[in-house]
Protein backbone atom coordinates (compact mmCIF):
# COMPACT_ATOMS: atom_id res chain seq x y z
CA MET A 1 13.27 -18.10 17.47
CA PHE A 2 16.02 -16.14 19.07
CA VAL A 3 18.24 -16.50 16.50
CA PHE A 4 15.65 -15.23 13.97
CA LYS A 5 14.52 -12.15 15.34
CA TYR A 6 17.25 -11.03 17.19
CA PRO A 7 18.13 -8.98 14.15
CA VAL A 8 14.95 -7.07 14.20
CA LEU A 9 14.43 -6.06 17.87
CA ASP A 10 15.45 -3.16 17.12
CA ILE A 11 13.03 -1.81 14.59
CA GLY A 12 11.15 1.17 15.70
CA TYR A 13 7.52 0.27 17.42
CA HIS A 14 4.48 -0.81 15.47
CA GLN A 15 1.19 2.07 16.07
CA TYR A 16 -0.77 -0.89 18.42
CA GLU A 17 2.48 -0.81 20.80
CA LEU A 18 1.99 3.05 20.58
CA ALA A 19 -1.80 2.93 21.44
CA SER A 20 -1.10 1.80 25.10
CA TYR A 21 1.58 -0.70 26.00
CA VAL A 22 4.73 1.27 25.57
CA PRO A 23 3.89 4.55 27.06
CA ASN A 24 2.33 2.58 30.13
CA GLY A 25 5.66 0.20 30.25
CA ILE A 26 7.10 3.64 30.17
CA SER A 27 5.37 5.38 32.77
CA LEU A 28 5.78 2.49 35.12
CA ALA A 29 9.41 2.70 34.53
CA GLU A 30 9.96 5.85 35.42
CA LYS A 31 7.32 6.10 38.38
CA GLY A 32 7.14 3.14 40.03
CA LEU A 33 5.88 -0.57 39.39
CA ALA A 34 2.08 -1.13 40.22
CA PHE A 35 -0.43 -3.38 39.78
CA TYR A 36 -2.72 -0.69 39.18
CA PRO A 37 -2.98 2.19 37.93
CA ILE A 38 -1.48 4.98 39.95
CA HIS A 39 -0.30 7.54 37.67
CA ARG A 40 -2.12 9.96 35.62
CA ASP A 41 -0.55 9.22 32.75
CA TYR A 42 -1.17 5.78 32.99
CA LEU A 43 -3.18 4.01 30.26
CA PHE A 44 -5.63 2.06 31.92
CA HIS A 45 -7.85 -0.11 29.80
CA GLY A 46 -9.21 -2.46 31.99
CA HIS A 47 -6.57 -5.19 31.36
CA SER A 48 -4.06 -7.06 34.21
CA GLN A 49 -1.45 -5.25 34.49
CA LEU A 50 1.83 -7.67 34.72
CA PHE A 51 2.34 -7.38 30.89
CA PRO A 52 3.04 -3.89 31.15
CA ILE A 53 4.81 -4.67 34.31
CA THR A 54 7.42 -6.68 32.52
CA LEU A 55 7.94 -3.85 29.72
CA ALA A 56 8.52 -1.43 32.58
CA ILE A 57 11.33 -4.28 33.88
CA SER A 58 12.97 -4.57 30.56
CA TYR A 59 12.94 -0.84 30.00
CA LYS A 60 15.07 -0.73 33.76
CA ILE A 61 17.54 -3.36 33.03
CA PHE A 62 17.87 -2.28 28.60
CA GLY A 63 16.77 1.34 28.74
CA ILE A 64 13.80 2.83 26.90
CA LYS A 65 14.04 1.47 23.01
CA PRO A 66 12.52 -0.35 20.65
CA PHE A 67 14.65 -3.62 21.83
CA SER A 68 13.43 -3.40 25.07
CA THR A 69 10.05 -3.50 24.02
CA HIS A 70 10.27 -6.32 21.69
CA LEU A 71 12.31 -8.68 23.77
CA VAL A 72 9.70 -9.35 26.21
CA PRO A 73 7.28 -10.64 23.91
CA LEU A 74 9.96 -12.73 21.93
CA ILE A 75 10.70 -14.57 25.54
CA TYR A 76 6.92 -15.41 26.05
CA SER A 77 6.94 -16.94 22.46
CA ILE A 78 9.79 -18.98 23.24
CA ILE A 79 7.97 -19.90 26.48
CA GLY A 80 5.23 -20.75 24.26
CA LEU A 81 7.12 -22.85 22.30
CA TYR A 82 8.70 -25.12 24.95
CA TYR A 83 6.06 -25.61 26.66
CA THR A 84 4.17 -26.70 23.35
CA PHE A 85 7.11 -29.12 23.25
CA LEU A 86 6.89 -30.59 26.46
CA CYS A 87 2.37 -30.95 26.15
CA GLY A 88 2.92 -32.72 23.16
CA LYS A 89 5.22 -35.10 24.40
CA PHE A 90 3.50 -35.94 27.51
CA LEU A 91 0.39 -36.51 25.72
CA ALA A 92 2.30 -38.97 23.12
CA SER A 93 3.62 -40.92 26.15
CA LYS A 94 0.70 -41.36 27.58
CA GLY A 95 -0.37 -42.93 24.35
CA LYS A 96 1.98 -45.60 25.23
CA THR A 97 4.56 -44.74 22.76
CA ASP A 98 7.53 -44.77 24.78
CA GLY A 99 9.35 -47.95 23.71
CA LEU A 100 9.48 -46.60 20.35
CA GLU A 101 12.48 -44.64 19.30
CA ALA A 102 13.79 -43.46 16.09
CA LYS A 103 17.06 -42.33 15.29
CA THR A 104 18.70 -39.71 13.32
CA SER A 105 22.49 -39.61 11.93
CA ASP A 106 24.38 -37.11 9.40
CA ALA A 107 24.31 -39.66 6.35
CA SER A 108 26.89 -36.99 4.24
CA GLU A 109 29.35 -37.94 6.34
CA LYS A 110 31.10 -41.17 5.53
CA ASP A 111 32.22 -42.12 9.45
CA ILE A 112 29.41 -41.51 11.30
CA THR A 113 30.62 -40.65 15.20
CA SER A 114 27.76 -39.87 16.46
CA SER A 115 23.75 -39.63 15.86
CA ILE A 116 20.44 -37.96 17.77
CA THR A 117 18.28 -40.48 19.23
CA LEU A 118 14.80 -39.78 19.66
CA THR A 119 11.80 -40.88 21.27
CA LEU A 120 8.36 -40.90 18.94
CA PRO A 121 6.98 -39.34 22.11
CA GLU A 122 10.21 -36.48 21.57
CA MET A 123 9.57 -36.11 17.93
CA ILE A 124 5.62 -35.52 18.15
CA GLY A 125 6.24 -32.51 20.75
CA LEU A 126 8.97 -31.72 18.86
CA SER A 127 6.85 -31.46 15.41
CA ALA A 128 4.05 -29.67 17.67
CA ALA A 129 6.73 -26.82 18.60
CA LEU A 130 7.96 -26.57 15.00
CA LEU A 131 4.31 -26.19 13.71
CA LEU A 132 3.74 -23.05 16.17
CA PHE A 133 6.91 -21.59 15.12
CA PHE A 134 6.10 -21.93 11.60
CA SER A 135 2.69 -20.41 12.05
CA PRO A 136 2.75 -16.67 10.33
CA LEU A 137 0.94 -15.26 13.38
CA TYR A 138 2.74 -16.86 16.09
CA PHE A 139 5.84 -15.70 14.44
CA ALA A 140 5.09 -12.21 13.41
CA GLN A 141 3.58 -11.71 16.80
CA SER A 142 6.39 -12.73 18.84
CA GLY A 143 7.78 -9.88 17.68
CA ILE A 144 5.90 -7.15 18.70
CA ALA A 145 4.45 -6.10 22.32
CA ASN A 146 0.87 -7.11 23.06
CA MET A 147 -0.75 -9.43 25.52
CA ASP A 148 -2.13 -12.18 23.54
CA LEU A 149 1.04 -14.08 22.73
CA ALA A 150 2.20 -13.93 26.59
CA LEU A 151 -1.22 -15.22 27.31
CA SER A 152 -0.95 -17.80 25.27
CA ALA A 153 2.46 -18.96 26.01
CA MET A 154 1.44 -19.46 29.88
CA THR A 155 -2.10 -20.97 28.81
CA ILE A 156 0.29 -23.77 27.39
CA ALA A 157 2.57 -23.51 30.05
CA THR A 158 -0.14 -23.85 32.97
CA TYR A 159 -2.02 -26.40 30.86
CA TYR A 160 1.71 -28.56 31.48
CA TYR A 161 1.68 -28.16 34.51
CA TYR A 162 -2.46 -29.06 35.19
CA LEU A 163 -1.13 -32.53 33.17
CA ARG A 164 1.35 -33.63 34.97
CA ARG A 165 -0.14 -32.46 38.04
CA LYS A 166 2.41 -30.46 39.35
CA TRP A 167 0.33 -28.35 41.30
CA ILE A 168 3.32 -26.03 42.33
CA GLY A 169 4.15 -24.98 38.73
CA TYR A 170 0.69 -24.80 37.74
CA VAL A 171 -0.39 -22.10 40.27
CA ILE A 172 2.75 -20.44 39.33
CA ALA A 173 2.16 -20.28 35.62
CA SER A 174 -1.89 -19.95 36.03
CA SER A 175 -1.62 -17.03 38.33
CA ILE A 176 0.67 -15.10 35.85
CA MET A 177 -1.82 -16.26 33.62
CA VAL A 178 -4.37 -14.27 34.85
CA LEU A 179 -2.20 -11.75 35.93
CA ILE A 180 -1.17 -10.91 31.85
CA LYS A 181 -4.69 -10.83 30.56
CA GLU A 182 -8.15 -11.35 32.41
CA PRO A 183 -9.40 -13.74 29.81
CA GLY A 184 -6.97 -16.21 31.72
CA THR A 185 -9.35 -16.83 34.32
CA ILE A 186 -11.43 -19.04 32.40
CA ILE A 187 -9.00 -21.77 32.06
CA ILE A 188 -9.19 -22.11 35.30
CA PRO A 189 -12.69 -23.66 35.93
CA ILE A 190 -12.44 -25.90 32.80
CA LEU A 191 -9.45 -27.44 34.11
CA LEU A 192 -11.55 -27.97 37.83
CA PHE A 193 -14.13 -29.52 35.88
CA ASP A 194 -11.74 -31.81 33.75
CA TYR A 195 -9.93 -32.94 37.15
CA LEU A 196 -13.80 -33.17 38.85
CA PHE A 197 -15.13 -35.04 35.91
CA GLN A 198 -11.51 -37.08 35.94
CA LYS A 199 -11.52 -38.03 39.29
CA GLN A 200 -15.18 -39.20 39.42
CA LYS A 201 -14.75 -41.55 36.65
CA LYS A 202 -12.37 -43.21 38.49
CA THR A 203 -14.72 -43.36 41.15
CA ILE A 204 -17.16 -45.02 38.83
CA LYS A 205 -14.87 -47.59 37.74
């Protein structure tokens, strides 16, 4: 994703960005970071404030310019792709496909010196990530500052850590998810219900 998006990161702002995110990020970068609106010119829309704060941090590091703005959603999009791969791999491995392997080699060379070996779960995870990568909406939004792409990335990260029962990672990812945008709060009770249901299911057995 970075290779495809890097050449266009410095293209001008989208009007959607100028309506809120860019002014908020600039305000926080110039007058101090805060999780609540403390500046008179801060355009507060009732959302959680972590995303504008990440924009402000990017502005402080790289300067206030389109590149700094578009770099943030690009990073979140890469996170989303990575955890999509991990989720696909883990769910496929739970289907008892671990023993199956697929070998890919370069047939164009006469002397094959190396080959890439992927398990079937890894291939499924990679396929899921590629499907997301080639989704026109996801690809387009990965270069535009908006909370929804960041929310989706941290939601899939939260789900992955929940599946693996890695609770420290789950707490960190879910906290970031909620601090990016408040609809993320609905994911937590859903996963809690699933956890209790699975636990009860094992007890009955």
